[in-house]
């Protein structure tokens, strides 16, 4: 039987790649500013294996690679706007 839980993950600003161990099949729920940090929440089945997921965070006006991934959210922290992509 699945044990569903919402987990919180912190992402670094301006990182081309941030690797996060996340349970396989995680469903991304939201990305927001929490305490001036980019924070992502995901619904996970804690009985599934962990696998590394990659995320990238780019600022507005930055050049992106040809395939930046799936856009999962935009976060404003002070005067900066950050765009989070999931590199599946």
Protein backbone atom coordinates (compact mmCIF):
# COMPACT_ATOMS: atom_id res chain seq x y z
CA UNK A 1 0.00 0.00 0.00
CA UNK A 2 1.35 3.44 -0.97
CA UNK A 3 2.43 5.82 1.79
CA UNK A 4 1.85 9.23 0.26
CA UNK A 5 3.56 12.24 1.83
CA UNK A 6 4.30 15.79 0.75
CA UNK A 7 8.03 16.54 0.86
CA UNK A 8 9.78 19.89 0.63
CA UNK A 9 13.00 20.53 -1.28
CA UNK A 10 15.23 23.63 -1.48
CA UNK A 11 16.71 24.75 -4.81
CA UNK A 12 19.74 26.97 -5.31
CA UNK A 13 19.33 30.19 -7.29
CA UNK A 14 21.20 30.44 -10.58
CA UNK A 15 22.27 26.79 -10.74
CA UNK A 16 22.37 25.05 -14.10
CA UNK A 17 21.84 21.74 -12.33
CA UNK A 18 20.74 20.87 -8.81
CA UNK A 19 20.46 17.16 -8.05
CA UNK A 20 17.82 16.11 -5.53
CA UNK A 21 17.16 12.56 -4.31
CA UNK A 22 13.42 12.15 -4.77
CA UNK A 23 11.14 9.12 -4.60
CA UNK A 24 10.44 7.59 -8.01
CA UNK A 25 7.19 8.83 -9.55
CA UNK A 26 7.05 12.01 -7.46
CA UNK A 27 4.35 14.48 -8.51
CA UNK A 28 5.50 18.10 -8.38
CA UNK A 29 2.91 20.26 -6.65
CA UNK A 30 4.27 23.78 -6.32
CA UNK A 31 7.37 25.94 -6.34
CA UNK A 32 7.36 29.13 -4.25
CA UNK A 33 9.42 31.55 -2.21
CA UNK A 34 9.70 30.43 1.40
CA UNK A 35 12.01 32.41 3.70
CA UNK A 36 13.78 33.93 0.66
CA UNK A 37 14.61 30.50 -0.74
CA UNK A 38 13.26 28.70 -3.79
CA UNK A 39 11.20 25.83 -2.39
CA UNK A 40 9.58 22.95 -4.25
CA UNK A 41 6.89 20.64 -2.85
CA UNK A 42 6.18 17.19 -4.25
CA UNK A 43 3.76 14.38 -3.47
CA UNK A 44 5.80 11.21 -3.01
CA UNK A 45 5.22 7.56 -2.21
CA UNK A 46 7.79 6.97 0.53
CA UNK A 47 7.80 3.23 -0.20
CA UNK A 48 9.25 3.78 -3.67
CA UNK A 49 12.98 3.90 -4.35
CA UNK A 50 14.89 7.17 -4.36
CA UNK A 51 16.25 8.43 -7.66
CA UNK A 52 18.16 11.58 -8.47
CA UNK A 53 16.11 14.29 -10.18
CA UNK A 54 17.75 17.33 -11.77
CA UNK A 55 16.39 20.86 -11.63
CA UNK A 56 17.73 24.10 -13.11
CA UNK A 57 17.04 27.64 -11.95
CA UNK A 58 17.48 30.56 -14.36
CA UNK A 59 16.99 34.26 -13.87
CA UNK A 60 14.89 36.42 -16.16
CA UNK A 61 16.94 37.52 -19.18
CA UNK A 62 19.43 34.67 -18.91
CA UNK A 63 20.28 32.55 -21.92
CA UNK A 64 18.86 29.05 -21.60
CA UNK A 65 20.16 25.83 -23.15
CA UNK A 66 18.31 24.45 -26.22
CA UNK A 67 16.25 22.07 -24.05
CA UNK A 68 15.96 23.53 -20.54
CA UNK A 69 13.42 20.92 -19.38
CA UNK A 70 9.85 21.24 -18.14
CA UNK A 71 8.97 24.59 -16.58
CA UNK A 72 7.57 23.91 -13.10
CA UNK A 73 7.25 27.41 -11.72
CA UNK A 74 8.43 30.98 -11.36
CA UNK A 75 9.46 32.53 -8.05
CA UNK A 76 10.08 36.15 -7.13
CA UNK A 77 12.60 36.85 -4.37
CA UNK A 78 13.16 40.53 -3.68
CA UNK A 79 13.90 42.20 -7.05
CA UNK A 80 14.80 38.94 -8.82
CA UNK A 81 12.58 36.52 -10.72
CA UNK A 82 13.69 32.88 -10.97
CA UNK A 83 12.36 30.21 -13.33
CA UNK A 84 12.56 26.56 -12.29
CA UNK A 85 12.87 23.73 -14.84
CA UNK A 86 12.75 19.96 -14.27
CA UNK A 87 15.38 18.19 -16.37
CA UNK A 88 13.61 14.89 -16.98
